[in-house]
Amino acid sequence: MKVLVAEPIAEEGIKALQNKAEVDFRPGLRPQELESLIGQYEGLVVRSQTRVTAELIKAGEKLQVIGRAGVGLDNIDVEAATQRGIVVVNSPEGNIGSAAEHTIALLLALARNIPQAHLKLKQGAWEREKLVGVEVRNKILGIVGLGRVGSEVARKAKGLGMNLLAHDPLVSLDYARSLGVKLVSKEELLRSADFITLHLPLSETTKGFIGAKELSLMKPSARLINTARGAIVDEEALFQAVEEGRIAGAAVDVFSREPARDNPLLKSDKIIVTPHLGASTIEAQTSVALDIAHQVLEVLEGRPARYAVNLPLISPELFPLISPFLELVSLMGRIASQLAEGQPSTISLRYEGEIAGHDTEALKAAAIGGFLESTVEERVNLVNASHIAQRRGLKIVEQKSTTCENYSSLITLEVETSAGKTLIAGTTLRGEPHVVRVGDYWMDFVPSPGYWLFSDHLDRPGLIGAVGLVTGEVDINISSMYVARLKPRGPALMVLRLDEPLPEEGKRKILAIPNIYTVKVVKL
């Protein structure tokens, strides 16, 4: 077996691989060089810099496993690897402590102006009066994202005497209480916190999570810390906010493009910058390298890996039946996560009809994965689904019945939160996913990619036309419409497929229409 290590990892990891495989350590390869060489190898190990594209994967004719020494997967085309039967593994546990410690280090450096003081003194200037800092004790720390690292930051900050707020729509209230954290809305956290630290994965929904609007909500004395992903912050907007004194400062370890060379954040003396050092400790590097080496070898030897992010574990005989439902429940989870309000506590899955007679573990994993998609860095699979849900304080309940009144198979997903319940039910027709129920309303639509508007309203003449007038005014085309009601002139639900996202102005105008109660836009 041959393994190519394309980026530096700890020597312990290299030695572990060499015990059972022929290892080539070739860091710094250009994309063309890597693509020309990859066909020789059964295994590939990378970190965050190497782009493992669909083209590179196609060139890897012998590839069986790709190992990412770290947690993020945004540099690997996991779908392309899955289509070619290549297992992708990562190491989400090894650098948690180091990343959390680096966050705390940046927080303290930011509070006490340590890098600026160091530089001034080295230059011969004794300027104590210009370097007055603030205490972190009794200050409010706002944590955006209570995953592994965010939770560890909470534990460490508690020891510093800080008061903790957090925003994470997909953790339970009980879990937050166990950390001594109060869950609040994004807006309340931005307005209240003295320090804000970001711990989000990079996805379509989190890209630009902090922009000019969010920065304008922060207190002038507030400070921002980002050790997660660079692109979740509008870097130019952050630079302007700090330079203009609209916030007190920032500390940044990650950048939208790395290595960061011509980045605006490097130009401000009020912004502390480090070159993606969150996981750069001897202990973390060793742990991650050993973890990824062992997993790569496990796959090459035909054994299951602990953190395989795309492990199907579905028999070839069952796959044709299960695969359409995998897409369905993933979409149902994504819809539910965007419609639900409050902090979730329980996810219930009910299988009825033919599908109930089969192993549904893969469906459970897909549903949880869809629900948590925007908030967890690791890919949810059969191995880790229950663990990830449990870690976030979520209870998973499954029920089965081999009889179904209306469909050959029906799956119902219900999410219970502190604000109530959200229910989505679906089936497959001709191999295509169909959502057939939302809350109390029975309807039928194919949840295709794009933007979907869900509106609760009172059934009355002229209301649908009034909504159409608003979308026309904001130049948004409606490609399809679905309406269901409980009784004539009673409660009703309207679902619109939009060609483009509805601007806030459009939402406000629709909500202003008499007898419109809610307006939510779901992106699929």
Protein backbone atom coordinates (compact mmCIF):
# COMPACT_ATOMS: atom_id res chain seq x y z
CA MET A 1 0.00 0.00 0.00
CA LYS A 2 1.24 3.49 -0.86
CA VAL A 3 0.21 6.66 0.96
CA LEU A 4 1.01 10.20 -0.14
CA VAL A 5 1.29 12.78 2.65
CA ALA A 6 0.86 16.08 0.82
CA GLU A 7 1.16 18.46 3.80
CA PRO A 8 3.27 18.47 6.96
CA ILE A 9 1.97 16.34 9.84
CA ALA A 10 3.69 15.33 13.07
CA GLU A 11 6.49 12.78 12.71
CA GLU A 12 4.60 10.34 14.92
CA GLY A 13 1.89 10.13 12.26
CA ILE A 14 4.40 9.49 9.50
CA LYS A 15 6.02 6.69 11.52
CA ALA A 16 2.64 5.11 12.26
CA LEU A 17 1.86 5.02 8.54
CA GLN A 18 5.31 3.62 7.72
CA ASN A 19 4.69 0.63 9.99
CA LYS A 20 2.23 -0.79 7.45
CA ALA A 21 2.51 1.24 4.23
CA GLU A 22 5.00 2.80 1.85
CA VAL A 23 4.85 6.53 2.57
CA ASP A 24 5.89 9.44 0.36
CA PHE A 25 6.12 12.76 2.20
CA ARG A 26 5.78 15.42 -0.50
CA PRO A 27 4.59 18.75 0.93
CA GLY A 28 4.37 21.80 -1.32
CA LEU A 29 3.29 20.05 -4.52
CA ARG A 30 1.57 22.28 -7.06
CA PRO A 31 -1.93 21.16 -8.11
CA GLN A 32 -0.72 19.91 -11.49
CA GLU A 33 2.11 17.94 -9.88
CA LEU A 34 -0.22 16.37 -7.34
CA GLU A 35 -2.70 15.38 -10.05
CA SER A 36 0.04 13.74 -12.12
CA LEU A 37 1.30 11.70 -9.13
CA ILE A 38 -1.90 10.73 -7.31
CA GLY A 39 -2.65 7.73 -9.55
CA GLN A 40 0.12 5.76 -7.81
CA TYR A 41 -1.41 5.90 -4.32
CA GLU A 42 -4.11 4.11 -2.35
CA GLY A 43 -4.14 6.77 0.39
CA LEU A 44 -3.82 10.57 0.51
CA VAL A 45 -3.27 12.67 3.65
CA VAL A 46 -3.79 16.45 3.60
CA ARG A 47 -4.46 19.30 6.00
CA SER A 48 -6.24 22.57 5.09
CA GLN A 49 -4.19 23.93 2.19
CA THR A 50 -4.40 21.16 -0.43
CA ARG A 51 -7.54 21.34 -2.59
CA VAL A 52 -8.78 17.80 -3.15
CA THR A 53 -11.01 18.51 -6.15
CA ALA A 54 -13.20 16.22 -8.23
CA GLU A 55 -10.50 16.29 -10.93
CA LEU A 56 -7.81 15.21 -8.47
CA ILE A 57 -10.06 12.46 -7.13
CA LYS A 58 -10.76 11.22 -10.65
CA ALA A 59 -7.01 11.08 -11.32
CA GLY A 60 -6.53 8.96 -8.19
CA GLU A 61 -7.44 5.69 -9.87
CA LYS A 62 -6.18 3.60 -6.93
CA LEU A 63 -7.38 5.87 -4.14
CA GLN A 64 -9.26 4.15 -1.34
CA VAL A 65 -9.04 6.75 1.41
CA ILE A 66 -8.46 10.48 1.85
CA GLY A 67 -7.41 11.62 5.33
CA ARG A 68 -7.90 15.21 6.48
CA ALA A 69 -5.61 15.92 9.44
CA GLY A 70 -8.05 18.23 11.19
CA VAL A 71 -11.79 18.80 11.42
CA GLY A 72 -12.84 20.98 8.44
CA LEU A 73 -13.75 19.44 5.10
CA ASP A 74 -14.20 22.53 2.94
CA ASN A 75 -11.05 21.72 0.93
CA ILE A 76 -12.24 18.21 -0.01
CA ASP A 77 -14.95 17.35 -2.54
CA VAL A 78 -16.61 14.74 -0.32
CA GLU A 79 -19.41 14.08 -2.83
CA ALA A 80 -16.95 13.30 -5.63
CA ALA A 81 -15.06 10.96 -3.30
CA THR A 82 -18.27 9.22 -2.27
CA GLN A 83 -19.33 8.71 -5.88
CA ARG A 84 -16.02 6.96 -6.56
CA GLY A 85 -16.25 4.82 -3.41
CA ILE A 86 -13.39 6.60 -1.64
CA VAL A 87 -13.69 6.89 2.13
CA VAL A 88 -12.96 10.33 3.60
CA VAL A 89 -11.80 10.46 7.22
CA ASN A 90 -10.93 13.38 9.46
CA SER A 91 -9.81 14.04 13.02
CA PRO A 92 -12.36 16.21 14.81
CA GLU A 93 -11.23 15.54 18.38
CA GLY A 94 -7.48 16.03 18.44
CA ASN A 95 -7.23 19.81 18.37
CA ILE A 96 -10.23 20.86 20.47
CA GLY A 97 -8.22 21.80 23.56
CA SER A 98 -5.59 23.66 21.55
CA ALA A 99 -8.14 25.62 19.54
CA ALA A 100 -10.01 26.61 22.70
CA GLU A 101 -6.79 27.65 24.45
CA HIS A 102 -5.77 29.77 21.46
CA THR A 103 -9.16 31.49 21.59
CA ILE A 104 -8.64 32.32 25.26
CA ALA A 105 -5.06 33.47 24.53
CA LEU A 106 -6.33 35.86 21.87
CA LEU A 107 -9.08 37.09 24.19
CA LEU A 108 -6.55 37.98 26.90
CA ALA A 109 -4.08 39.47 24.42
CA LEU A 110 -6.89 41.58 23.02
CA ALA A 111 -8.05 42.72 26.46
CA ARG A 112 -4.53 43.74 27.59
CA ASN A 113 -2.98 44.93 24.29
CA ILE A 114 -0.16 42.44 24.72
CA PRO A 115 1.14 42.29 21.10
CA GLN A 116 1.10 46.09 20.81
CA ALA A 117 2.87 46.50 24.14
CA HIS A 118 5.51 43.95 23.16
CA LEU A 119 6.20 45.70 19.85
CA LYS A 120 6.33 49.18 21.39
CA LEU A 121 8.75 48.14 24.10
CA LYS A 122 10.99 46.34 21.58
CA GLN A 123 11.08 49.62 19.64
CA GLY A 124 12.24 51.47 22.76
CA ALA A 125 8.94 53.15 23.64
CA TRP A 126 7.63 53.00 27.24
CA GLU A 127 4.00 53.99 26.59
CA ARG A 128 2.00 52.56 29.47
CA GLU A 129 -0.67 55.25 29.26
CA LYS A 130 -1.49 54.33 25.65
CA LEU A 131 -1.84 50.63 26.42
CA VAL A 132 -4.45 50.57 29.17
CA GLY A 133 -6.51 47.40 28.85
CA VAL A 134 -9.67 45.96 30.35
CA GLU A 135 -10.34 43.09 32.74
CA VAL A 136 -12.21 40.06 31.44
CA ARG A 137 -13.58 39.21 34.89
CA ASN A 138 -17.32 39.96 35.07
CA LYS A 139 -17.38 40.83 31.37
CA ILE A 140 -19.88 39.19 29.01
CA LEU A 141 -18.46 36.69 26.53
CA GLY A 142 -20.75 35.92 23.60
CA ILE A 143 -20.05 32.51 22.06
CA VAL A 144 -21.45 31.91 18.58
CA GLY A 145 -21.62 28.13 18.15
CA LEU A 146 -21.60 25.64 21.03
CA GLY A 147 -19.92 22.77 19.25
CA ARG A 148 -16.80 21.05 20.57
CA VAL A 149 -14.53 24.10 20.58
CA GLY A 150 -17.22 26.60 21.58
CA SER A 151 -18.21 24.43 24.53
CA GLU A 152 -14.60 24.10 25.67
CA VAL A 153 -14.15 27.88 25.39
CA ALA A 154 -17.22 28.28 27.61
CA ARG A 155 -15.72 26.02 30.28
CA LYS A 156 -12.40 27.90 30.25
CA ALA A 157 -14.03 31.35 30.20
CA LYS A 158 -16.17 30.40 33.17
CA GLY A 159 -12.96 29.86 35.09
CA LEU A 160 -11.92 33.43 34.24
CA GLY A 161 -15.03 34.77 35.93
CA MET A 162 -16.80 35.76 32.71
CA ASN A 163 -20.56 35.80 32.19
CA LEU A 164 -21.53 33.65 29.23
CA LEU A 165 -24.07 34.16 26.45
CA ALA A 166 -24.32 31.92 23.42
CA HIS A 167 -26.17 31.73 20.12
CA ASP A 168 -26.68 28.28 18.70
CA PRO A 169 -30.18 27.41 17.44
CA LEU A 170 -29.47 23.68 17.45
CA VAL A 171 -28.50 22.87 21.03
CA SER A 172 -30.88 22.12 23.85
CA LEU A 173 -31.52 24.46 26.76
CA ASP A 174 -30.41 21.72 29.17
CA TYR A 175 -27.05 21.39 27.44
CA ALA A 176 -26.46 25.14 27.56
CA ARG A 177 -27.38 25.22 31.26
CA SER A 178 -24.87 22.45 31.95
CA LEU A 179 -22.17 24.79 30.62
CA GLY A 180 -23.43 27.76 32.60
CA VAL A 181 -24.42 29.51 29.37
CA LYS A 182 -27.54 31.54 28.62
CA LEU A 183 -28.88 31.02 25.09
CA VAL A 184 -29.97 34.20 23.31
CA SER A 185 -30.72 35.42 19.80
CA LYS A 186 -27.95 36.49 17.48
CA GLU A 187 -29.02 40.13 17.81
CA GLU A 188 -29.12 40.08 21.63
CA LEU A 189 -25.67 38.50 21.78
CA LEU A 190 -24.21 41.11 19.43
CA ARG A 191 -25.74 43.98 21.39
CA SER A 192 -24.85 42.67 24.86
CA ALA A 193 -21.42 41.02 24.68
CA ASP A 194 -18.13 42.68 25.60
CA PHE A 195 -16.21 39.96 23.75
CA ILE A 196 -17.62 37.83 20.93
CA THR A 197 -15.95 34.61 19.80
CA LEU A 198 -16.97 32.69 16.67
CA HIS A 199 -17.04 28.89 16.45
CA LEU A 200 -19.01 28.07 13.29
CA PRO A 201 -18.28 25.78 10.36
CA LEU A 202 -18.08 27.38 6.93
CA SER A 203 -21.19 26.72 4.86
CA GLU A 204 -23.51 28.61 2.55
CA THR A 205 -25.56 29.71 5.54
CA THR A 206 -22.59 30.86 7.66
CA LYS A 207 -20.56 32.61 4.96
CA GLY A 208 -20.55 36.31 5.83
CA PHE A 209 -22.28 35.57 9.15
CA ILE A 210 -20.67 38.71 10.60
CA GLY A 211 -20.94 41.66 8.24
CA ALA A 212 -21.44 45.41 8.39
CA LYS A 213 -24.99 45.05 9.76
CA GLU A 214 -23.90 42.74 12.60
CA LEU A 215 -20.88 44.87 13.46
CA SER A 216 -23.13 47.93 13.73
CA LEU A 217 -25.08 46.18 16.52
CA MET A 218 -21.98 45.68 18.68
CA LYS A 219 -21.01 48.05 21.49
CA PRO A 220 -18.14 50.48 20.75
CA SER A 221 -16.24 48.78 23.59
CA ALA A 222 -16.80 45.27 22.20
CA ARG A 223 -14.09 43.06 20.70
CA LEU A 224 -14.41 40.22 18.16
CA ILE A 225 -12.40 36.98 18.05
CA ASN A 226 -12.42 34.55 15.11
CA THR A 227 -10.58 31.23 15.33
CA ALA A 228 -13.13 29.31 13.22
CA ARG A 229 -13.16 30.09 9.47
CA GLY A 230 -12.14 33.34 7.79
CA ALA A 231 -15.04 33.58 5.36
CA ILE A 232 -17.68 33.71 8.11
CA VAL A 233 -16.62 37.35 8.63
CA ASP A 234 -16.71 40.17 6.09
CA GLU A 235 -13.06 41.11 6.52
CA GLU A 236 -13.30 44.54 4.89
CA ALA A 237 -16.29 45.46 7.06
CA LEU A 238 -14.41 44.31 10.18
CA PHE A 239 -11.36 46.36 9.22
CA GLN A 240 -13.48 49.47 8.73
CA ALA A 241 -15.38 48.96 12.01
CA VAL A 242 -12.16 48.69 14.00
CA GLU A 243 -10.34 51.53 12.24
CA GLU A 244 -13.30 53.87 12.64
CA GLY A 245 -13.63 53.01 16.34
CA ARG A 246 -17.10 51.49 15.99
CA ILE A 247 -15.77 48.46 17.89
CA ALA A 248 -12.72 48.38 20.14
CA GLY A 249 -10.68 45.70 18.42
CA ALA A 250 -10.45 42.21 16.99
CA ALA A 251 -8.25 39.13 17.08
CA VAL A 252 -8.20 36.85 14.03
CA ASP A 253 -6.52 33.49 13.46
CA VAL A 254 -8.23 32.52 10.20
CA PHE A 255 -8.67 34.25 6.87
CA SER A 256 -10.85 33.92 3.79
CA ARG A 257 -7.77 33.15 1.73
CA GLU A 258 -4.71 31.51 3.23
CA PRO A 259 -1.82 32.13 3.40
CA ALA A 260 -3.04 35.66 4.12
CA ARG A 261 -0.75 38.19 2.48
CA ASP A 262 -2.82 41.05 1.06
CA ASN A 263 -5.63 40.97 3.61
CA PRO A 264 -7.10 44.22 5.00
CA LEU A 265 -7.00 42.82 8.56
CA LEU A 266 -3.20 42.81 8.41
CA LYS A 267 -3.16 46.60 7.99
CA SER A 268 -4.72 47.57 11.33
CA ASP A 269 -2.66 47.98 14.49
CA LYS A 270 -5.87 47.40 16.50
CA ILE A 271 -6.37 43.91 15.10
CA ILE A 272 -4.29 41.02 16.46
CA VAL A 273 -3.53 38.44 13.77
CA THR A 274 -2.01 34.95 13.93
CA PRO A 275 -1.38 32.58 10.99
CA HIS A 276 -4.00 29.89 11.67
CA LEU A 277 -2.34 28.65 14.87
CA GLY A 278 -5.45 27.30 16.59
CA ALA A 279 -4.32 23.69 16.30
CA SER A 280 -0.60 24.44 16.26
CA THR A 281 0.55 22.87 19.49
CA ILE A 282 2.86 19.90 19.83
CA GLU A 283 0.16 17.92 21.59
CA ALA A 284 -2.58 18.68 19.06
CA GLN A 285 -0.36 18.03 16.04
CA THR A 286 0.72 14.69 17.46
CA SER A 287 -2.81 13.67 18.38
CA VAL A 288 -4.25 14.63 14.99
CA ALA A 289 -1.41 12.97 13.04
CA LEU A 290 -1.70 9.69 14.94
CA ASP A 291 -5.49 9.72 14.68
CA ILE A 292 -5.52 10.26 10.92
CA ALA A 293 -2.72 7.73 10.34
CA HIS A 294 -4.56 5.00 12.23
CA GLN A 295 -7.81 5.71 10.38
CA VAL A 296 -6.14 5.68 6.95
CA LEU A 297 -4.57 2.32 7.76
CA GLU A 298 -7.87 0.94 9.06
CA VAL A 299 -9.58 1.74 5.76
CA LEU A 300 -6.70 0.33 3.71
CA GLU A 301 -6.89 -2.87 5.74
CA GLY A 302 -10.64 -3.16 5.20
CA ARG A 303 -11.78 -2.10 8.68
CA PRO A 304 -14.25 0.69 9.56
CA ALA A 305 -12.68 4.01 10.55
CA ARG A 306 -13.89 5.93 13.60
CA TYR A 307 -14.46 9.25 11.85
CA ALA A 308 -15.36 8.24 8.30
CA VAL A 309 -17.42 11.20 7.13
CA ASN A 310 -19.05 9.49 4.14
CA LEU A 311 -19.26 5.90 5.31
CA PRO A 312 -22.44 4.44 3.78
CA LEU A 313 -22.70 1.13 5.69
CA ILE A 314 -25.70 0.17 3.54
CA SER A 315 -25.76 -3.23 1.86
CA PRO A 316 -25.79 -3.22 -1.96
CA GLU A 317 -29.14 -5.02 -1.91
CA LEU A 318 -30.77 -2.40 0.32
CA PHE A 319 -29.22 0.69 -1.26
CA PRO A 320 -31.63 1.07 -4.27
CA LEU A 321 -34.60 1.09 -1.88
CA ILE A 322 -33.05 3.32 0.79
CA SER A 323 -31.23 5.91 -1.36
CA PRO A 324 -34.32 7.96 -2.43
CA PHE A 325 -35.39 8.14 1.21
CA LEU A 326 -31.90 9.29 2.26
CA GLU A 327 -32.31 12.41 0.11
CA LEU A 328 -35.87 12.87 1.39
CA VAL A 329 -35.09 12.79 5.11
CA SER A 330 -32.01 14.99 4.67
CA LEU A 331 -34.19 17.61 2.97
CA MET A 332 -36.86 17.23 5.66
CA GLY A 333 -34.21 17.85 8.32
CA ARG A 334 -33.01 20.98 6.54
CA ILE A 335 -36.56 22.31 6.20
CA ALA A 336 -37.34 21.60 9.86
CA SER A 337 -34.17 23.32 11.09
CA GLN A 338 -35.10 26.51 9.21
CA LEU A 339 -38.78 26.51 10.18
CA ALA A 340 -38.36 25.60 13.85
CA GLU A 341 -38.17 28.28 16.52
CA GLY A 342 -36.71 27.98 20.01
CA GLN A 343 -34.05 25.57 21.28
CA PRO A 344 -34.57 21.94 20.20
CA SER A 345 -34.83 19.13 22.71
CA THR A 346 -36.19 16.09 20.82
CA ILE A 347 -36.11 14.83 17.23
CA SER A 348 -38.70 12.15 16.53
CA LEU A 349 -38.78 9.96 13.43
CA ARG A 350 -41.81 7.83 12.59
CA TYR A 351 -41.57 5.27 9.77
CA GLU A 352 -44.81 3.87 8.35
CA GLY A 353 -45.48 1.31 5.63
CA GLU A 354 -42.91 -0.63 3.64
CA ILE A 355 -39.93 1.43 4.77
CA ALA A 356 -40.57 0.45 8.40
CA GLY A 357 -39.65 -3.14 7.60
CA HIS A 358 -36.04 -2.23 6.79
CA ASP A 359 -32.97 -1.06 8.70
CA THR A 360 -33.46 2.69 9.12
CA GLU A 361 -30.19 3.62 10.84
CA ALA A 362 -28.97 5.34 7.67
CA LEU A 363 -32.20 7.35 7.47
CA LYS A 364 -31.84 8.48 11.07
CA ALA A 365 -28.30 9.65 10.36
CA ALA A 366 -29.37 11.50 7.21
CA ALA A 367 -32.23 13.24 9.02
CA ILE A 368 -30.00 14.36 11.90
CA GLY A 369 -27.35 15.42 9.41
CA GLY A 370 -29.83 17.56 7.48
CA PHE A 371 -31.13 19.14 10.67
CA LEU A 372 -27.65 19.98 12.00
CA GLU A 373 -26.05 20.72 8.63
CA SER A 374 -25.41 24.43 9.19
CA THR A 375 -23.90 24.11 12.67
CA VAL A 376 -21.54 21.13 12.75
CA GLU A 377 -18.22 20.87 10.95
CA GLU A 378 -18.11 17.10 10.80
CA ARG A 379 -20.23 15.16 8.32
CA VAL A 380 -22.97 13.31 10.20
CA ASN A 381 -23.00 9.59 9.37
CA LEU A 382 -24.17 6.26 10.76
CA VAL A 383 -21.24 6.04 13.11
CA ASN A 384 -21.54 9.45 14.74
CA ALA A 385 -25.17 10.60 14.30
CA SER A 386 -26.46 9.64 17.75
CA HIS A 387 -23.25 10.82 19.41
CA ILE A 388 -23.42 14.26 17.78
CA ALA A 389 -27.08 14.67 18.70
CA GLN A 390 -26.41 13.58 22.28
CA ARG A 391 -23.45 15.95 22.52
CA ARG A 392 -25.79 18.83 21.72
CA GLY A 393 -28.35 17.68 24.29
CA LEU A 394 -30.83 16.32 21.72
CA LYS A 395 -32.97 13.24 22.34
CA ILE A 396 -33.66 10.99 19.32
CA VAL A 397 -36.87 8.96 19.23
CA GLU A 398 -37.82 6.44 16.53
CA GLN A 399 -41.14 4.65 15.95
CA LYS A 400 -42.13 2.09 13.31
CA SER A 401 -45.40 0.78 11.92
CA THR A 402 -45.62 -1.52 8.89
CA THR A 403 -49.07 -0.15 8.03
CA CYS A 404 -49.72 3.24 6.42
CA GLU A 405 -53.13 4.61 5.53
CA ASN A 406 -52.30 6.81 2.54
CA TYR A 407 -48.86 5.86 1.17
CA SER A 408 -46.77 2.77 0.58
CA SER A 409 -44.14 4.43 2.79
CA LEU A 410 -44.29 7.58 4.88
CA ILE A 411 -41.63 9.18 7.09
CA THR A 412 -42.55 11.87 9.62
CA LEU A 413 -39.94 14.10 11.26
CA GLU A 414 -41.03 16.08 14.31
CA VAL A 415 -38.78 18.49 16.18
CA GLU A 416 -39.79 19.55 19.67
CA THR A 417 -38.32 22.85 20.86
CA SER A 418 -38.78 25.31 23.68
CA ALA A 419 -41.25 27.17 21.42
CA GLY A 420 -43.35 24.22 20.25
CA LYS A 421 -43.27 21.50 17.60
CA THR A 422 -42.34 21.47 13.91
CA LEU A 423 -43.55 18.55 11.80
CA ILE A 424 -42.53 17.55 8.25
CA ALA A 425 -43.68 14.34 6.54
CA GLY A 426 -42.60 12.94 3.21
CA THR A 427 -42.52 10.01 0.85
CA THR A 428 -40.98 9.11 -2.50
CA LEU A 429 -42.79 8.84 -5.82
CA ARG A 430 -40.99 7.51 -8.90
CA GLY A 431 -37.70 7.78 -6.98
CA GLU A 432 -38.26 11.48 -6.26
CA PRO A 433 -38.68 13.02 -2.77
CA HIS A 434 -42.08 14.56 -1.98
CA VAL A 435 -43.01 16.57 1.10
CA VAL A 436 -46.65 15.72 1.81
CA ARG A 437 -47.26 17.34 5.17
CA VAL A 438 -46.13 20.49 6.99
CA GLY A 439 -47.50 20.82 10.49
CA ASP A 440 -51.24 20.13 10.35
CA TYR A 441 -51.43 20.74 6.60
CA TRP A 442 -51.41 18.00 3.97
CA MET A 443 -50.01 19.05 0.59
CA ASP A 444 -47.58 17.65 -1.99
CA PHE A 445 -44.47 19.31 -3.40
CA VAL A 446 -41.02 18.27 -4.55
CA PRO A 447 -38.42 20.09 -2.36
CA SER A 448 -36.09 21.05 -5.19
CA PRO A 449 -33.00 23.22 -4.60
CA GLY A 450 -33.71 26.92 -4.25
CA TYR A 451 -35.75 29.27 -2.07
CA TRP A 452 -39.10 28.36 -0.51
CA LEU A 453 -41.45 30.75 1.27
CA PHE A 454 -43.68 29.28 4.00
CA SER A 455 -46.53 31.47 5.22
CA ASP A 456 -49.24 30.79 7.81
CA HIS A 457 -52.36 32.83 7.11
CA LEU A 458 -56.13 33.02 7.31
CA ASP A 459 -57.88 31.67 4.22
CA ARG A 460 -59.73 34.61 2.63
CA PRO A 461 -60.36 36.04 -0.85
CA GLY A 462 -57.57 38.20 -2.29
CA LEU A 463 -54.82 37.19 0.12
CA ILE A 464 -52.82 35.06 -2.34
CA GLY A 465 -53.06 37.81 -4.95
CA ALA A 466 -51.77 40.35 -2.42
CA VAL A 467 -48.70 38.20 -1.79
CA GLY A 468 -48.11 37.92 -5.54
CA LEU A 469 -48.26 41.70 -5.86
CA VAL A 470 -45.53 42.07 -3.23
CA THR A 471 -43.19 39.54 -4.87
CA GLY A 472 -43.76 41.34 -8.17
CA GLU A 473 -42.89 44.69 -6.59
CA VAL A 474 -39.53 43.34 -5.36
CA ASP A 475 -38.93 41.60 -8.72
CA ILE A 476 -39.04 38.03 -7.39
CA ASN A 477 -40.65 35.41 -9.61
CA ILE A 478 -42.87 32.66 -8.15
CA SER A 479 -42.21 29.43 -10.02
CA SER A 480 -44.80 27.31 -8.18
CA MET A 481 -47.39 27.60 -5.41
CA TYR A 482 -48.97 25.15 -2.97
CA VAL A 483 -51.83 26.01 -0.61
CA ALA A 484 -53.57 23.92 2.05
CA ARG A 485 -56.24 24.83 4.59
CA LEU A 486 -57.89 23.22 7.58
CA LYS A 487 -61.31 24.58 6.60
CA PRO A 488 -62.76 27.31 4.34
CA ARG A 489 -61.83 30.76 5.69
CA GLY A 490 -59.88 29.09 8.45
CA PRO A 491 -56.16 28.52 9.16
CA ALA A 492 -54.12 27.90 6.00
CA LEU A 493 -50.55 27.42 4.80
CA MET A 494 -49.01 28.74 1.59
CA VAL A 495 -45.72 27.44 0.18
CA LEU A 496 -44.12 29.35 -2.69
CA ARG A 497 -41.10 28.30 -4.76
CA LEU A 498 -39.11 31.48 -5.49
CA ASP A 499 -36.50 31.92 -8.20
CA GLU A 500 -34.40 34.20 -5.95
CA PRO A 501 -34.10 34.95 -2.22
CA LEU A 502 -36.79 37.28 -0.87
CA PRO A 503 -35.26 40.52 0.45
CA GLU A 504 -36.13 41.75 3.94
CA GLU A 505 -38.24 44.49 2.39
CA GLY A 506 -40.39 41.83 0.72
CA LYS A 507 -40.81 39.91 3.99
CA ARG A 508 -41.93 43.05 5.80
CA LYS A 509 -44.47 43.88 3.10
CA ILE A 510 -45.94 40.37 3.14
CA LEU A 511 -46.18 40.37 6.94
CA ALA A 512 -48.00 43.71 6.71
CA ILE A 513 -50.80 42.09 4.66
CA PRO A 514 -53.85 41.56 6.93
CA ASN A 515 -54.27 37.94 8.11
CA ILE A 516 -50.66 36.93 7.28
CA TYR A 517 -49.20 35.52 10.51
CA THR A 518 -45.72 34.23 9.65
CA VAL A 519 -43.27 34.43 6.76
CA LYS A 520 -40.19 32.21 6.63
CA VAL A 521 -37.83 31.57 3.73
CA VAL A 522 -36.11 28.19 3.56
CA LYS A 523 -33.06 27.62 1.39
CA LEU A 524 -32.51 24.12 -0.01
